[in-house]
């Protein structure tokens, strides 16, 4: 028999280079999360099935922080949605840094 766990949600906070605060609340049992932040006002962004359920544009530091928090709690990698994948590809496009 597996003993029931009474894990409480775990909260992480982050302040980006513009002074905007983010708070991530991860429920280890349900393996879901809610993201709130200065940019969102009263809204929240959900993380379900290892994927951010939003088309928000995150800086590299914000995305790294989210991924690290998620993996710390769940042991799995956070997946980007198709829109975020496209943005990542565009950021890596040749010529963006004066190269090309």
N, C-alpha and C. Protein backbone atom coordinates (compact mmCIF):
# COMPACT_ATOMS: atom_id res chain seq x y z
N UNK A 1 0.84 -1.18 0.00
CA UNK A 1 0.00 0.00 0.00
C UNK A 1 0.89 1.25 0.00
N UNK A 2 0.48 2.21 -0.80
CA UNK A 2 1.23 3.46 -0.87
C UNK A 2 0.64 4.42 0.15
N UNK A 3 1.51 4.96 0.97
CA UNK A 3 1.05 5.91 1.99
C UNK A 3 0.60 7.21 1.33
N UNK A 4 -0.52 7.77 1.78
CA UNK A 4 -0.96 9.03 1.20
C UNK A 4 0.02 10.15 1.54
N UNK A 5 0.15 11.07 0.60
CA UNK A 5 1.04 12.21 0.85
C UNK A 5 0.19 13.44 1.07
N UNK A 6 0.65 14.28 1.93
CA UNK A 6 -0.04 15.53 2.23
C UNK A 6 0.83 16.70 1.81
N UNK A 7 1.35 16.62 0.60
CA UNK A 7 2.22 17.68 0.12
C UNK A 7 1.40 18.95 -0.14
N UNK A 8 1.89 20.03 0.37
CA UNK A 8 1.26 21.33 0.18
C UNK A 8 1.81 21.96 -1.10
N UNK A 9 1.05 22.87 -1.71
CA UNK A 9 1.60 23.59 -2.86
C UNK A 9 2.91 24.29 -2.49
N UNK A 10 3.80 24.35 -3.45
CA UNK A 10 5.11 24.97 -3.27
C UNK A 10 5.11 26.26 -4.07
N UNK A 11 5.56 27.34 -3.44
CA UNK A 11 5.57 28.64 -4.10
C UNK A 11 7.00 29.09 -4.40
N UNK A 12 7.16 29.63 -5.58
CA UNK A 12 8.43 30.18 -6.04
C UNK A 12 8.18 31.62 -6.47
N UNK A 13 9.13 32.50 -6.23
CA UNK A 13 9.00 33.88 -6.70
C UNK A 13 10.23 34.25 -7.53
N UNK A 14 10.02 35.20 -8.41
CA UNK A 14 11.09 35.64 -9.31
C UNK A 14 10.83 37.10 -9.65
N UNK A 15 11.89 37.89 -9.71
CA UNK A 15 11.80 39.27 -10.17
C UNK A 15 12.71 39.41 -11.38
N UNK A 16 12.13 39.85 -12.49
CA UNK A 16 12.94 39.97 -13.71
C UNK A 16 13.74 41.27 -13.71
N UNK A 17 14.48 41.47 -14.78
CA UNK A 17 15.38 42.63 -14.87
C UNK A 17 14.64 43.96 -14.93
N UNK A 18 13.32 43.93 -15.16
CA UNK A 18 12.51 45.15 -15.19
C UNK A 18 11.79 45.39 -13.87
N UNK A 19 12.07 44.56 -12.87
CA UNK A 19 11.44 44.70 -11.57
C UNK A 19 10.06 44.08 -11.48
N UNK A 20 9.63 43.36 -12.52
CA UNK A 20 8.32 42.71 -12.51
C UNK A 20 8.43 41.39 -11.75
N UNK A 21 7.48 41.21 -10.84
CA UNK A 21 7.49 40.00 -10.00
C UNK A 21 6.58 38.92 -10.57
N UNK A 22 7.03 37.68 -10.44
CA UNK A 22 6.25 36.50 -10.82
C UNK A 22 6.14 35.60 -9.60
N UNK A 23 5.03 34.91 -9.48
CA UNK A 23 4.86 33.91 -8.43
C UNK A 23 4.29 32.65 -9.07
N UNK A 24 4.96 31.54 -8.83
CA UNK A 24 4.53 30.25 -9.34
C UNK A 24 4.15 29.38 -8.16
N UNK A 25 2.94 28.86 -8.20
CA UNK A 25 2.44 27.98 -7.14
C UNK A 25 2.19 26.61 -7.76
N UNK A 26 3.02 25.63 -7.37
CA UNK A 26 2.95 24.29 -7.95
C UNK A 26 2.30 23.34 -6.95
N UNK A 27 1.31 22.61 -7.41
CA UNK A 27 0.65 21.58 -6.60
C UNK A 27 1.32 20.25 -6.94
N UNK A 28 2.16 19.72 -6.04
CA UNK A 28 2.91 18.50 -6.34
C UNK A 28 2.01 17.28 -6.54
N UNK A 29 0.88 17.22 -5.87
CA UNK A 29 0.00 16.06 -6.00
C UNK A 29 -0.71 16.06 -7.35
N UNK A 30 -1.26 17.19 -7.74
CA UNK A 30 -1.99 17.28 -9.01
C UNK A 30 -1.04 17.49 -10.18
N UNK A 31 0.20 17.89 -9.88
CA UNK A 31 1.20 18.21 -10.89
C UNK A 31 0.66 19.25 -11.86
N UNK A 32 0.11 20.31 -11.27
CA UNK A 32 -0.36 21.48 -12.01
C UNK A 32 0.22 22.71 -11.31
N UNK A 33 0.12 23.84 -11.98
CA UNK A 33 0.64 25.06 -11.38
C UNK A 33 -0.15 26.26 -11.87
N UNK A 34 -0.07 27.33 -11.08
CA UNK A 34 -0.64 28.62 -11.43
C UNK A 34 0.47 29.66 -11.38
N UNK A 35 0.55 30.46 -12.41
CA UNK A 35 1.52 31.53 -12.49
C UNK A 35 0.77 32.86 -12.41
N UNK A 36 1.20 33.72 -11.52
CA UNK A 36 0.66 35.07 -11.43
C UNK A 36 1.83 36.04 -11.50
N UNK A 37 1.52 37.27 -11.86
CA UNK A 37 2.59 38.24 -11.94
C UNK A 37 2.08 39.62 -12.23
N UNK A 38 2.99 40.58 -12.09
CA UNK A 38 2.65 41.98 -12.30
C UNK A 38 2.02 42.22 -13.68
N UNK A 39 2.53 41.54 -14.70
CA UNK A 39 2.03 41.72 -16.06
C UNK A 39 0.63 41.14 -16.26
N UNK A 40 0.20 40.26 -15.39
CA UNK A 40 -1.06 39.56 -15.57
C UNK A 40 -2.24 40.19 -14.86
N UNK A 41 -1.98 41.13 -13.97
CA UNK A 41 -3.08 41.71 -13.20
C UNK A 41 -3.74 40.63 -12.35
N UNK A 42 -5.03 40.49 -12.48
CA UNK A 42 -5.79 39.50 -11.71
C UNK A 42 -5.81 38.12 -12.39
N UNK A 43 -5.28 38.03 -13.59
CA UNK A 43 -5.30 36.77 -14.34
C UNK A 43 -4.24 35.80 -13.83
N UNK A 44 -4.43 34.53 -14.16
CA UNK A 44 -3.43 33.51 -13.86
C UNK A 44 -3.19 32.69 -15.12
N UNK A 45 -2.02 32.10 -15.18
CA UNK A 45 -1.66 31.19 -16.27
C UNK A 45 -1.52 29.82 -15.65
N UNK A 46 -2.10 28.82 -16.29
CA UNK A 46 -2.05 27.45 -15.79
C UNK A 46 -0.92 26.67 -16.46
N UNK A 47 -0.35 25.75 -15.71
CA UNK A 47 0.56 24.76 -16.27
C UNK A 47 -0.09 23.41 -16.01
N UNK A 48 -0.37 22.71 -17.10
CA UNK A 48 -1.05 21.42 -17.04
C UNK A 48 -0.37 20.49 -18.04
N UNK A 49 -0.21 19.23 -17.67
CA UNK A 49 0.42 18.25 -18.57
C UNK A 49 1.78 18.74 -19.06
N UNK A 50 2.54 19.35 -18.15
CA UNK A 50 3.90 19.81 -18.43
C UNK A 50 3.96 20.94 -19.46
N UNK A 51 2.85 21.63 -19.71
CA UNK A 51 2.85 22.69 -20.71
C UNK A 51 2.19 23.96 -20.18
N UNK A 52 2.80 25.09 -20.50
CA UNK A 52 2.23 26.39 -20.15
C UNK A 52 1.02 26.62 -21.03
N UNK A 53 -0.12 26.88 -20.41
CA UNK A 53 -1.37 27.05 -21.15
C UNK A 53 -1.59 28.52 -21.49
N UNK A 54 -0.64 29.11 -22.20
CA UNK A 54 -0.72 30.52 -22.55
C UNK A 54 0.24 30.82 -23.68
N UNK A 55 -0.05 31.90 -24.38
CA UNK A 55 0.86 32.38 -25.42
C UNK A 55 1.69 33.56 -24.95
N UNK A 56 1.86 33.69 -23.64
CA UNK A 56 2.70 34.75 -23.11
C UNK A 56 4.11 34.63 -23.66
N UNK A 57 4.74 35.76 -23.81
CA UNK A 57 6.13 35.78 -24.26
C UNK A 57 7.00 35.99 -23.03
N UNK A 58 7.85 35.01 -22.74
CA UNK A 58 8.74 35.07 -21.59
C UNK A 58 10.15 35.37 -22.05
N UNK A 59 10.87 36.14 -21.25
CA UNK A 59 12.29 36.34 -21.53
C UNK A 59 13.01 35.01 -21.29
N UNK A 60 14.23 34.91 -21.75
CA UNK A 60 14.99 33.68 -21.54
C UNK A 60 15.14 33.37 -20.05
N UNK A 61 15.40 34.41 -19.25
CA UNK A 61 15.57 34.20 -17.80
C UNK A 61 14.26 33.75 -17.15
N UNK A 62 13.14 34.34 -17.56
CA UNK A 62 11.84 33.94 -17.02
C UNK A 62 11.52 32.50 -17.40
N UNK A 63 11.76 32.15 -18.66
CA UNK A 63 11.48 30.79 -19.13
C UNK A 63 12.36 29.77 -18.39
N UNK A 64 13.63 30.12 -18.17
CA UNK A 64 14.54 29.22 -17.45
C UNK A 64 14.08 29.02 -16.02
N UNK A 65 13.66 30.12 -15.37
CA UNK A 65 13.16 30.03 -14.00
C UNK A 65 11.94 29.12 -13.93
N UNK A 66 10.97 29.33 -14.82
CA UNK A 66 9.77 28.48 -14.83
C UNK A 66 10.13 27.01 -15.02
N UNK A 67 11.00 26.73 -15.98
CA UNK A 67 11.39 25.35 -16.27
C UNK A 67 12.09 24.71 -15.07
N UNK A 68 12.97 25.46 -14.42
CA UNK A 68 13.71 24.93 -13.26
C UNK A 68 12.76 24.63 -12.10
N UNK A 69 11.83 25.54 -11.84
CA UNK A 69 10.85 25.32 -10.76
C UNK A 69 10.02 24.07 -11.04
N UNK A 70 9.51 23.96 -12.26
CA UNK A 70 8.66 22.83 -12.63
C UNK A 70 9.41 21.51 -12.48
N UNK A 71 10.64 21.47 -12.98
CA UNK A 71 11.42 20.24 -12.90
C UNK A 71 11.79 19.90 -11.46
N UNK A 72 12.03 20.91 -10.63
CA UNK A 72 12.35 20.68 -9.22
C UNK A 72 11.22 19.94 -8.52
N UNK A 73 9.98 20.33 -8.80
CA UNK A 73 8.82 19.74 -8.13
C UNK A 73 8.38 18.43 -8.77
N UNK A 74 8.33 18.38 -10.10
CA UNK A 74 7.75 17.22 -10.79
C UNK A 74 8.78 16.21 -11.27
N UNK A 75 10.03 16.65 -11.44
CA UNK A 75 11.05 15.77 -12.00
C UNK A 75 10.95 15.65 -13.51
N UNK A 76 10.09 16.47 -14.13
CA UNK A 76 9.91 16.42 -15.58
C UNK A 76 10.20 17.79 -16.19
N UNK A 77 10.49 17.78 -17.48
CA UNK A 77 10.77 19.03 -18.18
C UNK A 77 9.47 19.74 -18.55
N UNK A 78 9.49 21.04 -18.45
CA UNK A 78 8.38 21.88 -18.87
C UNK A 78 8.43 22.00 -20.38
N UNK A 79 7.31 21.75 -21.03
CA UNK A 79 7.23 21.82 -22.48
C UNK A 79 6.71 23.18 -22.90
N UNK A 80 7.24 23.69 -23.99
CA UNK A 80 6.73 24.94 -24.53
C UNK A 80 5.61 24.63 -25.50
N UNK A 81 4.65 25.52 -25.60
CA UNK A 81 3.58 25.32 -26.56
C UNK A 81 4.08 25.74 -27.94
N UNK A 82 3.34 25.42 -29.01
CA UNK A 82 3.82 25.72 -30.36
C UNK A 82 4.18 27.19 -30.59
N UNK A 83 3.41 28.12 -30.03
CA UNK A 83 3.71 29.53 -30.19
C UNK A 83 5.06 29.88 -29.56
N UNK A 84 5.30 29.38 -28.35
CA UNK A 84 6.56 29.64 -27.67
C UNK A 84 7.74 28.98 -28.40
N UNK A 85 7.51 27.82 -29.02
CA UNK A 85 8.55 27.17 -29.81
C UNK A 85 8.92 28.03 -31.01
N UNK A 86 7.92 28.60 -31.67
CA UNK A 86 8.17 29.47 -32.81
C UNK A 86 8.98 30.70 -32.39
N UNK A 87 8.61 31.30 -31.27
CA UNK A 87 9.37 32.46 -30.78
C UNK A 87 10.82 32.10 -30.49
N UNK A 88 11.04 30.94 -29.90
CA UNK A 88 12.41 30.51 -29.60
C UNK A 88 13.21 30.34 -30.89
N UNK A 89 12.58 29.79 -31.92
CA UNK A 89 13.26 29.62 -33.21
C UNK A 89 13.59 30.98 -33.83
N UNK A 90 12.66 31.93 -33.73
CA UNK A 90 12.90 33.26 -34.28
C UNK A 90 14.03 33.97 -33.55
N UNK A 91 14.13 33.75 -32.25
CA UNK A 91 15.21 34.36 -31.47
C UNK A 91 16.57 33.84 -31.90
N UNK A 92 16.61 32.60 -32.38
CA UNK A 92 17.86 31.96 -32.77
C UNK A 92 18.15 32.13 -34.25
N UNK A 93 17.30 32.84 -34.97
CA UNK A 93 17.46 33.00 -36.41
C UNK A 93 18.76 33.72 -36.73
N UNK A 94 19.46 33.30 -37.80
CA UNK A 94 20.71 33.98 -38.20
C UNK A 94 20.45 35.45 -38.50
N UNK A 95 21.41 36.27 -38.16
CA UNK A 95 21.31 37.69 -38.45
C UNK A 95 20.72 38.50 -37.31
N UNK A 96 20.14 37.84 -36.34
CA UNK A 96 19.51 38.57 -35.25
C UNK A 96 20.54 39.27 -34.37
N UNK A 97 21.72 38.71 -34.24
CA UNK A 97 22.78 39.30 -33.44
C UNK A 97 23.84 39.96 -34.31
N UNK A 98 23.44 40.40 -35.50
CA UNK A 98 24.41 41.00 -36.41
C UNK A 98 25.19 39.96 -37.17
N UNK A 99 24.83 38.70 -37.05
CA UNK A 99 25.50 37.62 -37.77
C UNK A 99 24.67 37.27 -38.99
N UNK A 100 25.27 36.56 -39.91
CA UNK A 100 24.43 36.05 -40.96
C UNK A 100 25.05 36.11 -42.25
